[in-house]
Amino acid sequence: MLVLGRSDIGGMNLLKSMEWEGNVWDALKYAVTGMPVFVRKGALRKIIEASEENARNRDSEIVQAPDLISAAKEKVPKSVQSSCFTALREYGVKVD
């Protein structure tokens, strides 16, 4: 079983199938490291898939902040949504 911790965060790159703006990808990595381990992997997979689908729906080859925010609002478990959005804001992503 793959457990994404702070030390092996680079393994998350394997879940991507599209290009992401650097700051957006970095913000996502920062946000998920604060999630409980038992939530992290599933939430990450769902957020990545939904973000990339949002980008494709815009006919874009690059995932941008609005794609991530929309996906996070839908896919992040309510129990950790507040901390996720706080982390995204700390990383410079406009959530509201």
C-alpha atoms as a PDB file:
ATOM      1  CA  MET A   1       0.000   0.000   0.000  1.00  0.00           C
ATOM      2  CA  LEU A   2       1.327   3.432  -0.941  1.00  0.00           C
ATOM      3  CA  VAL A   3       1.253   5.948   1.877  1.00  0.00           C
ATOM      4  CA  LEU A   4       2.159   9.463   0.905  1.00  0.00           C
ATOM      5  CA  GLY A   5       4.023  11.157   3.697  1.00  0.00           C
ATOM      6  CA  ARG A   6       5.922  14.392   3.822  1.00  0.00           C
ATOM      7  CA  SER A   7       9.150  12.615   2.914  1.00  0.00           C
ATOM      8  CA  ASP A   8       7.905  10.800  -0.207  1.00  0.00           C
ATOM      9  CA  ILE A   9       5.688  13.506  -1.642  1.00  0.00           C
ATOM     10  CA  GLY A  10       7.418  13.126  -5.020  1.00  0.00           C
ATOM     11  CA  GLY A  11       5.513   9.878  -5.558  1.00  0.00           C
ATOM     12  CA  MET A  12       2.425  11.975  -6.187  1.00  0.00           C
ATOM     13  CA  ASN A  13       3.752  12.816  -9.647  1.00  0.00           C
ATOM     14  CA  LEU A  14       2.814   9.297 -10.717  1.00  0.00           C
ATOM     15  CA  LEU A  15      -0.867  10.141 -10.271  1.00  0.00           C
ATOM     16  CA  LYS A  16      -0.835  13.034 -12.756  1.00  0.00           C
ATOM     17  CA  SER A  17      -1.757  12.562 -16.398  1.00  0.00           C
ATOM     18  CA  MET A  18      -1.577  16.232 -17.438  1.00  0.00           C
ATOM     19  CA  GLU A  19       0.701  19.199 -16.979  1.00  0.00           C
ATOM     20  CA  TRP A  20      -0.036  21.397 -13.960  1.00  0.00           C
ATOM     21  CA  GLU A  21       0.982  24.983 -13.364  1.00  0.00           C
ATOM     22  CA  GLY A  22       3.915  24.740 -10.976  1.00  0.00           C
ATOM     23  CA  ASN A  23       2.436  26.785  -8.175  1.00  0.00           C
ATOM     24  CA  VAL A  24      -0.880  24.927  -8.404  1.00  0.00           C
ATOM     25  CA  TRP A  25       0.769  21.503  -8.187  1.00  0.00           C
ATOM     26  CA  ASP A  26       2.966  22.677  -5.321  1.00  0.00           C
ATOM     27  CA  ALA A  27      -0.072  24.083  -3.502  1.00  0.00           C
ATOM     28  CA  LEU A  28      -1.894  20.759  -3.842  1.00  0.00           C
ATOM     29  CA  LYS A  29       1.112  18.874  -2.490  1.00  0.00           C
ATOM     30  CA  TYR A  30       1.280  21.254   0.457  1.00  0.00           C
ATOM     31  CA  ALA A  31      -2.461  20.962   1.131  1.00  0.00           C
ATOM     32  CA  VAL A  32      -2.593  17.162   1.155  1.00  0.00           C
ATOM     33  CA  THR A  33       0.417  16.713   3.424  1.00  0.00           C
ATOM     34  CA  GLY A  34      -1.687  18.199   6.218  1.00  0.00           C
ATOM     35  CA  MET A  35      -4.466  15.658   5.743  1.00  0.00           C
ATOM     36  CA  PRO A  36      -4.678  12.574   7.939  1.00  0.00           C
ATOM     37  CA  VAL A  37      -2.854   9.637   6.365  1.00  0.00           C
ATOM     38  CA  PHE A  38      -6.034   7.558   6.131  1.00  0.00           C
ATOM     39  CA  VAL A  39      -7.702  10.289   4.012  1.00  0.00           C
ATOM     40  CA  ARG A  40      -4.729  11.555   2.018  1.00  0.00           C
ATOM     41  CA  LYS A  41      -4.293   9.039  -0.804  1.00  0.00           C
ATOM     42  CA  GLY A  42      -7.970   8.735  -1.722  1.00  0.00           C
ATOM     43  CA  ALA A  43      -8.538  12.465  -1.533  1.00  0.00           C
ATOM     44  CA  LEU A  44      -5.440  13.159  -3.586  1.00  0.00           C
ATOM     45  CA  ARG A  45      -6.458  10.760  -6.338  1.00  0.00           C
ATOM     46  CA  LYS A  46      -9.971  12.226  -6.514  1.00  0.00           C
ATOM     47  CA  ILE A  47      -8.715  15.815  -6.510  1.00  0.00           C
ATOM     48  CA  ILE A  48      -6.188  15.136  -9.271  1.00  0.00           C
ATOM     49  CA  GLU A  49      -8.727  13.318 -11.456  1.00  0.00           C
ATOM     50  CA  ALA A  50     -11.380  16.024 -11.011  1.00  0.00           C
ATOM     51  CA  SER A  51      -8.872  18.869 -11.531  1.00  0.00           C
ATOM     52  CA  GLU A  52      -7.632  17.323 -14.759  1.00  0.00           C
ATOM     53  CA  GLU A  53     -11.189  16.700 -15.940  1.00  0.00           C
ATOM     54  CA  ASN A  54     -11.991  20.364 -15.234  1.00  0.00           C
ATOM     55  CA  ALA A  55      -8.990  21.434 -17.326  1.00  0.00           C
ATOM     56  CA  ARG A  56     -10.013  19.135 -20.185  1.00  0.00           C
ATOM     57  CA  ASN A  57     -13.545  20.567 -20.034  1.00  0.00           C
ATOM     58  CA  ARG A  58     -11.960  23.991 -20.593  1.00  0.00           C
ATOM     59  CA  ASP A  59     -10.058  22.546 -23.558  1.00  0.00           C
ATOM     60  CA  SER A  60      -6.808  23.202 -21.722  1.00  0.00           C
ATOM     61  CA  GLU A  61      -3.739  20.997 -21.566  1.00  0.00           C
ATOM     62  CA  ILE A  62      -2.659  22.581 -18.274  1.00  0.00           C
ATOM     63  CA  VAL A  63      -4.385  22.364 -14.895  1.00  0.00           C
ATOM     64  CA  GLN A  64      -4.793  25.806 -13.349  1.00  0.00           C
ATOM     65  CA  ALA A  65      -5.932  27.105  -9.958  1.00  0.00           C
ATOM     66  CA  PRO A  66      -9.680  27.329 -10.786  1.00  0.00           C
ATOM     67  CA  ASP A  67      -9.597  23.660 -11.850  1.00  0.00           C
ATOM     68  CA  LEU A  68      -8.059  22.665  -8.529  1.00  0.00           C
ATOM     69  CA  ILE A  69     -10.380  24.814  -6.405  1.00  0.00           C
ATOM     70  CA  SER A  70     -13.487  23.460  -8.098  1.00  0.00           C
ATOM     71  CA  ALA A  71     -12.259  19.889  -7.666  1.00  0.00           C
ATOM     72  CA  ALA A  72     -11.302  20.429  -4.037  1.00  0.00           C
ATOM     73  CA  LYS A  73     -14.730  21.848  -3.216  1.00  0.00           C
ATOM     74  CA  GLU A  74     -16.312  18.694  -4.631  1.00  0.00           C
ATOM     75  CA  LYS A  75     -13.827  15.982  -3.653  1.00  0.00           C
ATOM     76  CA  VAL A  76     -12.130  16.923  -0.381  1.00  0.00           C
ATOM     77  CA  PRO A  77     -13.878  15.311   2.587  1.00  0.00           C
ATOM     78  CA  LYS A  78     -15.795  17.902   4.618  1.00  0.00           C
ATOM     79  CA  SER A  79     -13.847  16.927   7.736  1.00  0.00           C
ATOM     80  CA  VAL A  80     -10.584  18.274   6.232  1.00  0.00           C
ATOM     81  CA  GLN A  81     -11.896  20.799   3.723  1.00  0.00           C
ATOM     82  CA  SER A  82     -11.219  23.830   5.926  1.00  0.00           C
ATOM     83  CA  SER A  83      -7.595  22.886   6.557  1.00  0.00           C
ATOM     84  CA  CYS A  84      -7.103  22.075   2.876  1.00  0.00           C
ATOM     85  CA  PHE A  85      -8.379  25.489   1.791  1.00  0.00           C
ATOM     86  CA  THR A  86      -6.284  27.195   4.456  1.00  0.00           C
ATOM     87  CA  ALA A  87      -3.183  25.421   3.130  1.00  0.00           C
ATOM     88  CA  LEU A  88      -4.023  26.400  -0.451  1.00  0.00           C
ATOM     89  CA  ARG A  89      -4.434  30.029   0.618  1.00  0.00           C
ATOM     90  CA  GLU A  90      -1.103  29.898   2.476  1.00  0.00           C
ATOM     91  CA  TYR A  91       0.464  28.769  -0.776  1.00  0.00           C
ATOM     92  CA  GLY A  92      -1.001  31.727  -2.648  1.00  0.00           C
ATOM     93  CA  VAL A  93      -3.983  30.073  -4.333  1.00  0.00           C
ATOM     94  CA  LYS A  94      -7.100  32.250  -4.302  1.00  0.00           C
ATOM     95  CA  VAL A  95      -9.841  29.988  -2.932  1.00  0.00           C
ATOM     96  CA  ASP A  96     -12.777  32.395  -2.611  1.00  0.00           C
END
